[in-house]
Protein backbone atom coordinates (compact mmCIF):
# COMPACT_ATOMS: atom_id res chain seq x y z
CA MET A 1 3.22 44.04 13.68
CA GLU A 2 1.62 40.67 13.96
CA SER A 3 -1.06 39.86 11.41
CA LEU A 4 -4.64 39.37 12.47
CA VAL A 5 -4.63 35.75 11.31
CA THR A 6 -1.52 34.97 13.37
CA THR A 7 -3.10 36.58 16.42
CA VAL A 8 -6.27 34.54 16.00
CA LYS A 9 -4.32 31.30 15.62
CA LYS A 10 -2.29 32.01 18.76
CA GLN A 11 -5.23 32.98 20.95
CA MET A 12 -7.87 30.52 19.84
CA SER A 13 -7.68 26.80 20.16
CA ILE A 14 -9.15 25.12 17.11
CA SER A 15 -11.37 22.26 18.08
CA LYS A 16 -10.28 18.77 17.05
CA LYS A 17 -13.87 18.09 16.09
CA ARG A 18 -14.69 18.97 12.49
CA LEU A 19 -17.55 21.42 11.99
CA PRO A 20 -20.07 20.91 9.20
CA SER A 21 -19.57 22.98 6.05
CA THR A 22 -21.92 25.81 5.21
CA LYS A 23 -22.32 27.68 1.94
CA SER A 24 -21.88 31.08 3.61
CA GLY A 25 -18.82 29.97 5.53
CA THR A 26 -15.18 30.88 5.30
CA SER A 27 -12.52 28.20 5.09
CA VAL A 28 -9.93 28.00 7.84
CA PRO A 29 -7.24 25.38 8.39
CA ASP A 30 -8.28 22.33 10.40
CA GLU A 31 -5.29 21.36 12.54
CA SER A 32 -6.71 17.90 13.18
CA ASN A 33 -6.60 17.03 9.50
CA GLU A 34 -3.08 16.22 8.28
CA LYS A 35 -4.05 16.38 4.58
CA GLY A 36 -4.60 20.17 4.78
CA LYS A 37 -8.37 20.10 4.30
CA SER A 38 -10.27 22.96 5.81
CA ARG A 39 -13.44 23.43 7.76
CA ARG A 40 -15.85 26.31 7.25
CA LEU A 41 -17.16 28.99 9.54
CA ASN A 42 -20.69 30.28 9.32
CA ALA A 43 -21.27 34.05 9.34
CA ARG A 44 -21.94 34.20 13.07
CA GLN A 45 -18.77 32.28 13.93
CA LYS A 46 -16.75 34.42 11.54
CA GLY A 47 -18.05 37.60 13.19
CA HIS A 48 -17.32 36.35 16.69
CA GLN A 49 -13.84 35.21 15.69
CA PHE A 50 -13.04 38.61 14.16
CA GLU A 51 -14.42 40.35 17.25
CA ARG A 52 -12.15 38.31 19.54
CA ALA A 53 -9.11 38.93 17.33
CA LEU A 54 -9.81 42.67 17.16
CA ARG A 55 -10.15 42.78 20.93
CA LEU A 56 -6.66 41.34 21.24
CA ARG A 57 -5.31 44.15 19.06
CA LEU A 58 -7.26 46.78 21.01
CA LEU A 59 -5.78 45.59 24.32
CA LYS A 60 -2.54 47.39 23.41
CA PHE A 61 -4.44 50.71 23.54
CA PHE A 62 -7.25 49.81 25.98
CA PRO A 63 -5.88 47.30 28.53
CA LYS A 64 -9.31 46.69 30.09
CA CYS A 65 -11.17 46.21 26.79
CA LEU A 66 -13.86 43.49 26.77
CA THR A 67 -16.35 42.36 24.18
CA SER A 68 -19.80 43.70 24.93
CA ARG A 69 -21.24 40.20 24.43
CA LEU A 70 -19.38 39.29 27.62
CA ALA A 71 -19.60 42.52 29.57
CA SER A 72 -22.74 44.49 28.74
CA LYS A 73 -25.98 43.40 27.11
CA LEU A 74 -27.12 47.05 26.93
CA THR A 75 -23.99 48.05 25.00
CA ASP A 76 -24.20 45.01 22.72
CA ASP A 77 -27.85 45.80 21.95
CA ALA A 78 -26.79 49.35 21.03
CA GLY A 79 -24.54 47.99 18.28
CA ILE A 80 -21.27 48.60 20.11
CA ASP A 81 -19.04 45.54 20.26
CA PHE A 82 -16.44 46.61 22.85
CA VAL A 83 -16.57 48.20 26.29
CA ARG A 84 -13.84 50.15 28.10
CA THR A 85 -12.61 51.73 24.86
CA ARG A 86 -13.40 55.37 25.62
CA PRO A 87 -13.53 57.71 23.81
CA PHE A 88 -14.35 55.25 21.01
CA ALA A 89 -17.54 53.26 20.46
CA ILE A 90 -16.37 50.44 18.18
CA GLN A 91 -18.30 47.93 16.12
CA ALA A 92 -16.58 45.03 14.33
CA LYS A 93 -17.95 43.77 11.00
CA ALA A 94 -16.60 40.71 9.18
CA VAL A 95 -18.92 40.53 6.19
CA GLU A 96 -18.35 40.07 2.48
CA GLY A 97 -21.32 42.15 1.40
CA THR A 98 -21.74 45.87 1.65
CA VAL A 99 -22.35 47.58 4.97
CA ASP A 100 -24.65 50.60 5.22
CA TYR A 101 -22.43 52.80 7.39
CA TRP A 102 -24.88 55.71 7.15
CA LYS A 103 -27.45 53.65 9.08
CA LEU A 104 -25.01 51.72 11.26
CA ILE A 105 -23.03 54.59 12.79
CA PRO A 106 -26.03 56.70 13.95
CA ALA A 107 -27.62 53.54 15.40
CA MET A 108 -24.62 53.05 17.71
CA LYS A 109 -26.26 54.83 20.62
CA ILE A 110 -26.60 53.63 24.17
CA ASN A 111 -29.91 54.41 25.87
CA ASP A 112 -28.05 56.04 28.77
CA PRO A 113 -27.07 59.54 27.57
CA ASP A 114 -24.12 59.69 30.01
CA GLU A 115 -22.52 56.66 28.33
CA ASP A 116 -22.55 58.20 24.85
CA VAL A 117 -20.91 61.52 25.75
CA ASN A 118 -17.71 62.27 23.82
CA SER A 119 -17.72 58.97 21.93
CA PHE A 120 -16.28 58.62 18.46
CA HIS A 121 -18.35 56.03 16.61
CA VAL A 122 -16.12 53.68 14.61
CA VAL A 123 -16.82 50.63 12.44
CA VAL A 124 -13.94 48.21 11.77
CA HIS A 125 -14.85 46.26 8.62
CA LYS A 126 -12.90 43.16 7.51
CA LYS A 127 -13.40 41.59 4.10
CA ASN A 128 -11.67 38.40 2.93
CA ASN A 129 -8.66 39.03 0.68
CA LYS A 130 -9.34 42.78 0.80
CA GLY A 131 -8.06 43.80 4.23
CA THR A 132 -9.58 45.75 7.08
CA VAL A 133 -10.76 49.36 7.07
CA VAL A 134 -11.93 51.75 9.75
CA VAL A 135 -14.95 53.96 9.03
CA MET A 136 -16.17 56.97 11.01
CA SER A 137 -18.09 60.16 10.36
CA LEU A 138 -16.25 63.18 9.01
CA GLU A 139 -17.20 65.13 12.15
CA ASP A 140 -15.57 62.51 14.40
CA PHE A 141 -12.47 62.46 12.18
CA GLU A 142 -12.19 66.25 12.33
CA SER A 143 -12.61 66.18 16.13
CA ILE A 144 -9.76 63.68 16.44
CA LEU A 145 -7.57 65.81 14.19
CA GLU A 146 -8.28 68.86 16.37
CA LEU A 147 -7.18 66.88 19.43
CA ILE A 148 -3.89 65.69 17.96
CA ILE A 149 -2.82 68.61 15.74
């Protein structure tokens, strides 16, 4: 299986223009610089980049998957980062600090009750040099197990 970094590099064109460094940023290779120096991403850019890369991986399972920033303001405002991923409501997090999943998962509700029916609320959390984990409630996990076992 292709790594997330490889997928990002294939799908995103890195600008030839160098971005300013930020303290909260993450270093990524700058293809325009032959000496191997890197440019830095701020937290917002890092989150958007992870969201786009995760979408590419989700396309294998949900061929019509789109980011909610592109497709649905209502869904994005509800804390759900992808549309057309039923029965999953998925949020991507690319942060180095801790994430309060106990607040985040219950907040992933769309105002339209018909849209939230039978959704499994999932957070995909990526941390530098630590990997990526998927977090969901125990009830959602048990429901999935009942469906597949």
